[in-house]
Amino acid sequence: MSSTTSKIIAATASGYHILKIEGYSGTKFLSNGRSIKSPPFTAAGHRWSIEYYPNGKARFYQACISLYLVLEEDVASPVKALVQFGFAAEERRHLVPFFPKKSKTPAPLFKSGELDFVSRGANGCDEFIERSSLEKSKNLRDDSFTIRCDIVVLNGAEDVGPAKNNSAPRCVYVPPSDLIQHLGNLLTAGKGADVVFEVGGEMLAAHRCLLAARSPVFAAELFGSMSESGGAAGVVRVADMEGRVFRALLRFLYTDSWPETAKEEECAMAQHLLVAADRYGMERLKLLCEDNLCKSISLGTAANILALEHV
């Protein structure tokens, strides 16, 4: 008698965000139910923010700090995600992952089950930590503490069809790739950087090989016939661009993600990045900028967007 088996493989995307609360003692004067919201950030393929309630969100939790993750997007169907909050030491910024091996890193104080995030909706933890416990702990230093929020988005499941009955069972969970996070950390730390860009009075370090792999223009500037323009000292001067725009461009080159930008500045950043993407031959970034501009077009932005066609 013959037999067959099939597989259903869950697809996920993951990411994390570091939030530092500075001037903790000053936040304690906020009343119960009032929060301070972090700037929006992108993780696990979606845009989020974190609400920090120094005196709890609900009346029953006035002695606690509450933390809530907010989906800063309009979605057609709920985004299913796992969320965890914990303290992150500044020098390490590590937490135990959702599917850990043995680890010496700090354990999370809150780890959720599966949560549904609707458009602009929030889920989180009412009892992250009691204020009295925080104030006695080593996590509070110089009136500040640092939180790490890990997010795993569950992108449904895929039926991969029948398989032979001698297929080996999957006994070890392999977590999603964190390559993007490591590349982002490489840019932030600047370790091993071998080229410096002078942009708007700022000096920004980067890695030639990575830039050349991501942009044909950088490949020509750094390794091709144009490479002499960098000079012996490895300093490349970039004209007609703001430092913040070039930083956002570098962040995209390393992580393939949209830069963290305040909501009111997104349209302006998209305009600047569209020009930069065209300059450096980055087609995917151009399409992302165009999509962003299409969503934010208005009478106030139409003239600037039309002017970009002639850049």
Protein backbone atom coordinates (compact mmCIF):
# COMPACT_ATOMS: atom_id res chain seq x y z
CA MET A 1 0.00 0.00 0.00
CA SER A 2 1.43 3.35 -1.01
CA SER A 3 1.13 6.48 1.07
CA THR A 4 1.88 10.16 0.71
CA THR A 5 2.34 13.10 3.04
CA SER A 6 2.14 16.85 2.57
CA LYS A 7 3.64 19.88 4.29
CA ILE A 8 2.33 23.22 5.43
CA ILE A 9 5.14 25.70 6.03
CA ALA A 10 4.46 28.87 7.98
CA ALA A 11 6.04 32.00 6.45
CA THR A 12 7.32 34.74 8.76
CA ALA A 13 9.11 38.08 8.70
CA SER A 14 10.91 39.44 11.74
CA GLY A 15 12.62 42.56 13.01
CA TYR A 16 13.24 44.58 16.15
CA HIS A 17 13.42 48.17 17.35
CA ILE A 18 15.44 49.78 20.13
CA LEU A 19 13.68 52.51 22.13
CA LYS A 20 15.57 54.55 24.72
CA ILE A 21 13.60 56.37 27.41
CA GLU A 22 15.67 59.35 28.58
CA GLY A 23 14.62 61.53 31.50
CA TYR A 24 12.50 58.79 33.06
CA SER A 25 11.73 60.79 36.21
CA GLY A 26 10.17 63.54 34.13
CA THR A 27 7.77 61.11 32.45
CA LYS A 28 6.32 59.93 35.77
CA PHE A 29 4.20 63.08 35.98
CA LEU A 30 2.00 61.92 33.10
CA SER A 31 -1.35 60.76 34.41
CA ASN A 32 -2.64 57.21 34.11
CA GLY A 33 -3.81 56.44 30.58
CA ARG A 34 -1.56 59.05 28.92
CA SER A 35 1.33 57.94 26.74
CA ILE A 36 4.36 59.13 24.83
CA LYS A 37 4.61 57.71 21.32
CA SER A 38 7.90 56.89 19.61
CA PRO A 39 8.66 58.05 16.06
CA PRO A 40 7.44 55.54 13.44
CA PHE A 41 9.84 52.78 12.42
CA THR A 42 9.84 49.90 9.95
CA ALA A 43 10.31 46.30 11.08
CA ALA A 44 9.18 42.91 9.76
CA GLY A 45 7.85 44.53 6.61
CA HIS A 46 5.43 46.93 8.32
CA ARG A 47 5.44 50.40 9.88
CA TRP A 48 5.01 50.64 13.65
CA SER A 49 5.38 52.89 16.66
CA ILE A 50 5.57 52.18 20.41
CA GLU A 51 3.34 53.81 23.04
CA TYR A 52 5.01 54.23 26.44
CA TYR A 53 2.63 54.66 29.41
CA PRO A 54 4.75 55.59 32.46
CA ASN A 55 1.75 55.27 34.81
CA GLY A 56 -0.05 52.44 33.06
CA LYS A 57 -2.67 52.46 30.35
CA ALA A 58 -5.60 51.07 32.35
CA ARG A 59 -6.61 52.33 35.79
CA PHE A 60 -5.90 48.96 37.38
CA TYR A 61 -2.22 49.18 36.35
CA GLN A 62 -1.32 52.65 37.66
CA ALA A 63 1.76 51.30 39.46
CA CYS A 64 3.14 49.76 36.25
CA ILE A 65 4.73 50.83 33.01
CA SER A 66 2.66 49.74 30.01
CA LEU A 67 4.03 49.29 26.50
CA TYR A 68 1.93 48.99 23.35
CA LEU A 69 2.93 48.34 19.76
CA VAL A 70 0.89 50.32 17.19
CA LEU A 71 0.50 49.40 13.51
CA GLU A 72 0.93 52.72 11.68
CA GLU A 73 -0.67 51.49 8.45
CA ASP A 74 -4.03 50.93 6.83
CA VAL A 75 -4.41 47.24 6.03
CA ALA A 76 -7.12 45.27 4.24
CA SER A 77 -6.92 42.39 6.72
CA PRO A 78 -5.39 42.12 10.20
CA VAL A 79 -1.63 41.66 10.46
CA LYS A 80 -0.92 38.62 12.62
CA ALA A 81 2.21 38.99 14.73
CA LEU A 82 4.11 37.86 17.80
CA VAL A 83 5.53 40.62 20.00
CA GLN A 84 7.98 40.71 22.87
CA PHE A 85 9.32 43.56 25.00
CA GLY A 86 12.39 43.48 27.22
CA PHE A 87 15.26 45.56 28.53
CA ALA A 88 18.26 45.86 26.22
CA ALA A 89 21.69 46.74 27.55
CA GLU A 90 23.16 49.62 25.55
CA GLU A 91 26.39 47.76 24.88
CA ARG A 92 24.63 44.60 23.62
CA ARG A 93 21.05 45.42 22.67
CA HIS A 94 20.24 41.70 22.73
CA LEU A 95 17.25 39.72 23.96
CA VAL A 96 16.39 36.06 23.95
CA PRO A 97 14.81 35.39 20.49
CA PHE A 98 11.35 33.90 20.07
CA PHE A 99 12.81 30.47 19.37
CA PRO A 100 16.01 30.48 21.43
CA LYS A 101 18.79 28.05 22.06
CA LYS A 102 20.55 28.38 25.42
CA SER A 103 21.40 32.03 25.86
CA LYS A 104 23.01 34.34 28.39
CA THR A 105 21.16 37.37 27.04
CA PRO A 106 18.36 39.03 29.06
CA ALA A 107 14.99 37.31 29.05
CA PRO A 108 11.99 39.29 27.78
CA LEU A 109 9.54 40.62 30.34
CA PHE A 110 6.64 40.26 27.90
CA LYS A 111 6.16 37.70 25.13
CA SER A 112 2.81 37.56 23.38
CA GLY A 113 0.89 34.85 21.67
CA GLU A 114 -0.52 35.51 18.22
CA LEU A 115 -1.96 39.04 18.00
CA ASP A 116 -4.16 40.66 15.35
CA PHE A 117 -3.22 44.22 14.39
CA VAL A 118 -5.95 46.09 12.52
CA SER A 119 -5.38 49.42 10.75
CA ARG A 120 -3.83 51.88 13.25
CA GLY A 121 -4.53 49.31 15.97
CA ALA A 122 -2.45 48.56 19.06
CA ASN A 123 -1.61 45.53 21.19
CA GLY A 124 0.76 45.26 24.08
CA CYS A 125 1.56 44.74 27.71
CA ASP A 126 -0.18 46.42 30.66
CA GLU A 127 2.29 45.11 33.25
CA PHE A 128 5.69 45.46 31.61
CA ILE A 129 7.28 46.26 34.97
CA GLU A 130 6.28 48.00 38.19
CA ARG A 131 7.90 51.42 38.53
CA SER A 132 9.22 50.54 41.97
CA SER A 133 10.95 47.45 40.56
CA LEU A 134 12.46 49.42 37.69
CA GLU A 135 13.81 52.07 40.05
CA LYS A 136 15.57 49.40 42.14
CA SER A 137 17.03 47.60 39.12
CA LYS A 138 20.25 48.04 37.17
CA ASN A 139 18.22 48.66 34.03
CA LEU A 140 17.66 52.27 35.09
CA ARG A 141 20.91 54.17 34.60
CA ASP A 142 21.38 57.93 34.59
CA ASP A 143 17.60 58.35 34.67
CA SER A 144 17.30 56.35 31.41
CA PHE A 145 16.50 52.82 30.28
CA THR A 146 16.47 51.03 26.96
CA ILE A 147 13.76 48.74 25.60
CA ARG A 148 13.97 46.28 22.74
CA CYS A 149 10.77 45.32 20.91
CA ASP A 150 10.93 42.16 18.76
CA ILE A 151 8.26 41.55 16.12
CA VAL A 152 7.55 38.40 14.13
CA VAL A 153 4.86 38.81 11.48
CA LEU A 154 3.09 35.59 10.51
CA ASN A 155 2.49 35.72 6.76
CA GLY A 156 0.10 32.80 6.58
CA ALA A 157 1.11 29.31 5.47
CA GLU A 158 2.05 27.58 2.28
CA ASP A 159 0.92 24.10 1.28
CA VAL A 160 3.86 22.60 -0.58
CA GLY A 161 1.92 19.54 -1.70
CA PRO A 162 2.56 15.83 -1.34
CA ALA A 163 5.94 14.50 -0.35
CA LYS A 164 7.43 11.05 -0.16
CA ASN A 165 6.59 9.11 2.98
CA ASN A 166 10.29 8.80 3.84
CA SER A 167 10.71 12.59 4.18
CA ALA A 168 12.49 13.46 7.39
CA PRO A 169 10.36 15.41 9.89
CA ARG A 170 11.40 18.97 10.62
CA CYS A 171 12.52 18.76 14.23
CA VAL A 172 14.49 22.04 14.51
CA TYR A 173 12.89 25.42 13.98
CA VAL A 174 15.09 27.63 11.79
CA PRO A 175 14.35 31.30 12.61
CA PRO A 176 13.97 33.89 9.85
CA SER A 177 17.13 35.42 8.44
CA ASP A 178 18.52 38.39 10.35
CA LEU A 179 21.07 39.28 7.66
CA ILE A 180 19.46 42.69 7.11
CA GLN A 181 19.81 43.57 10.79
CA HIS A 182 23.50 42.59 10.77
CA LEU A 183 24.16 44.68 7.67
CA GLY A 184 22.37 47.63 9.29
CA ASN A 185 24.55 47.21 12.38
CA LEU A 186 27.63 47.11 10.13
CA LEU A 187 26.71 50.49 8.69
CA THR A 188 25.97 51.95 12.13
CA ALA A 189 29.22 50.71 13.68
CA GLY A 190 31.35 51.56 10.64
CA LYS A 191 33.66 48.62 11.39
CA GLY A 192 35.85 47.78 8.39
CA ALA A 193 34.66 50.83 6.42
CA ASP A 194 37.05 51.67 3.59
CA VAL A 195 35.51 54.77 2.02
CA VAL A 196 34.28 58.07 3.44
CA PHE A 197 31.74 60.35 1.80
CA GLU A 198 31.73 64.08 2.50
CA VAL A 199 28.13 65.23 2.16
CA GLY A 200 26.84 68.62 3.28
CA GLY A 201 29.66 69.00 5.78
CA GLU A 202 29.19 65.50 7.23
CA MET A 203 31.64 62.60 6.94
CA LEU A 204 29.86 59.27 6.40
CA ALA A 205 31.76 55.96 6.35
CA ALA A 206 30.77 52.95 4.25
CA HIS A 207 32.05 49.76 2.58
CA ARG A 208 33.02 49.92 -1.08
CA CYS A 209 32.15 46.32 -1.99
CA LEU A 210 28.63 46.52 -0.61
CA LEU A 211 27.89 49.84 -2.34
CA ALA A 212 29.27 48.53 -5.64
CA ALA A 213 27.14 45.40 -5.39
CA ARG A 214 23.98 47.48 -4.92
CA SER A 215 24.54 50.33 -7.38
CA PRO A 216 26.17 50.32 -10.84
CA VAL A 217 27.06 53.98 -10.40
CA PHE A 218 28.86 53.34 -7.11
CA ALA A 219 30.61 50.38 -8.80
CA ALA A 220 31.94 52.73 -11.49
CA GLU A 221 32.85 55.47 -9.01
CA LEU A 222 34.62 53.20 -6.55
CA PHE A 223 36.17 50.52 -8.77
CA GLY A 224 35.81 51.60 -12.39
CA SER A 225 37.16 54.38 -14.57
CA MET A 226 35.70 57.03 -12.24
CA SER A 227 37.43 55.63 -9.13
CA GLU A 228 40.27 58.15 -9.17
CA SER A 229 37.82 60.88 -8.11
CA GLY A 230 37.83 59.41 -4.61
CA GLY A 231 41.42 60.44 -4.01
CA ALA A 232 44.15 58.54 -2.22
CA ALA A 233 42.58 59.18 1.17
CA GLY A 234 39.36 57.42 0.14
CA VAL A 235 37.18 60.52 0.58
CA VAL A 236 34.43 60.98 -2.00
CA ARG A 237 32.75 64.38 -2.10
CA VAL A 238 29.05 64.32 -2.94
CA ALA A 239 27.60 67.60 -4.20
CA ASP A 240 23.98 68.76 -4.34
CA MET A 241 22.70 66.44 -1.63
CA GLU A 242 21.84 66.83 2.06
CA GLY A 243 23.57 64.67 4.63
CA ARG A 244 20.29 63.24 5.95
CA VAL A 245 19.28 62.16 2.45
CA PHE A 246 22.60 60.42 1.82
CA ARG A 247 22.33 58.70 5.21
CA ALA A 248 18.88 57.42 4.21
CA LEU A 249 20.30 56.28 0.87
CA LEU A 250 23.08 54.35 2.64
CA ARG A 251 20.55 52.77 5.01
CA PHE A 252 18.55 51.53 2.02
CA LEU A 253 21.69 50.21 0.32
CA TYR A 254 22.54 48.14 3.40
CA THR A 255 19.07 47.04 4.57
CA ASP A 256 16.75 47.44 1.56
CA SER A 257 14.28 49.19 3.87
CA TRP A 258 12.60 52.58 3.88
CA PRO A 259 14.28 55.03 6.30
CA GLU A 260 12.65 55.85 9.61
CA THR A 261 11.06 59.24 8.98
CA ALA A 262 8.47 61.33 10.76
CA LYS A 263 5.08 61.12 9.04
CA GLU A 264 5.07 64.77 8.04
CA GLU A 265 8.53 64.44 6.43
CA GLU A 266 7.88 61.28 4.40
CA CYS A 267 6.82 63.09 1.22
CA ALA A 268 9.83 65.41 1.22
CA MET A 269 12.19 62.51 1.90
CA ALA A 270 10.62 60.50 -0.94
CA GLN A 271 11.22 63.41 -3.31
CA HIS A 272 14.88 63.72 -2.32
CA LEU A 273 15.45 59.96 -2.42
CA LEU A 274 13.84 59.71 -5.86
CA VAL A 275 16.47 62.11 -7.21
CA ALA A 276 19.23 60.19 -5.39
CA ALA A 277 17.95 56.82 -6.66
CA ASP A 278 17.98 58.11 -10.22
CA ARG A 279 21.49 59.48 -9.74
CA TYR A 280 22.85 56.15 -8.51
CA GLY A 281 20.85 53.81 -10.77
CA MET A 282 18.77 52.21 -8.00
CA GLU A 283 15.57 51.09 -9.72
CA ARG A 284 13.87 49.46 -6.72
CA LEU A 285 14.32 52.56 -4.58
CA LYS A 286 12.93 54.71 -7.42
CA LEU A 287 9.77 52.58 -7.53
CA LEU A 288 9.37 52.76 -3.74
CA CYS A 289 9.71 56.55 -3.87
CA GLU A 290 7.19 56.82 -6.69
CA ASP A 291 4.74 54.61 -4.79
CA ASN A 292 5.16 56.72 -1.66
CA LEU A 293 4.61 59.95 -3.61
CA CYS A 294 1.49 58.58 -5.30
CA LYS A 295 -0.01 57.86 -1.88
CA SER A 296 0.74 61.35 -0.56
CA ILE A 297 -0.06 63.49 -3.60
CA SER A 298 -2.06 66.65 -2.88
CA LEU A 299 -2.38 70.21 -4.14
CA GLY A 300 0.52 71.18 -1.92
CA THR A 301 2.88 68.50 -3.26
CA ALA A 302 1.77 68.21 -6.89
CA ALA A 303 4.00 71.03 -8.18
CA ASN A 304 7.13 69.56 -6.57
CA ILE A 305 6.34 66.06 -7.84
CA LEU A 306 5.81 67.33 -11.39
CA ALA A 307 9.12 69.18 -11.21
CA LEU A 308 10.89 65.91 -10.46
CA GLU A 309 10.04 64.66 -13.95
CA HIS A 310 12.55 67.15 -15.34
CA VAL A 311 15.34 66.34 -12.88
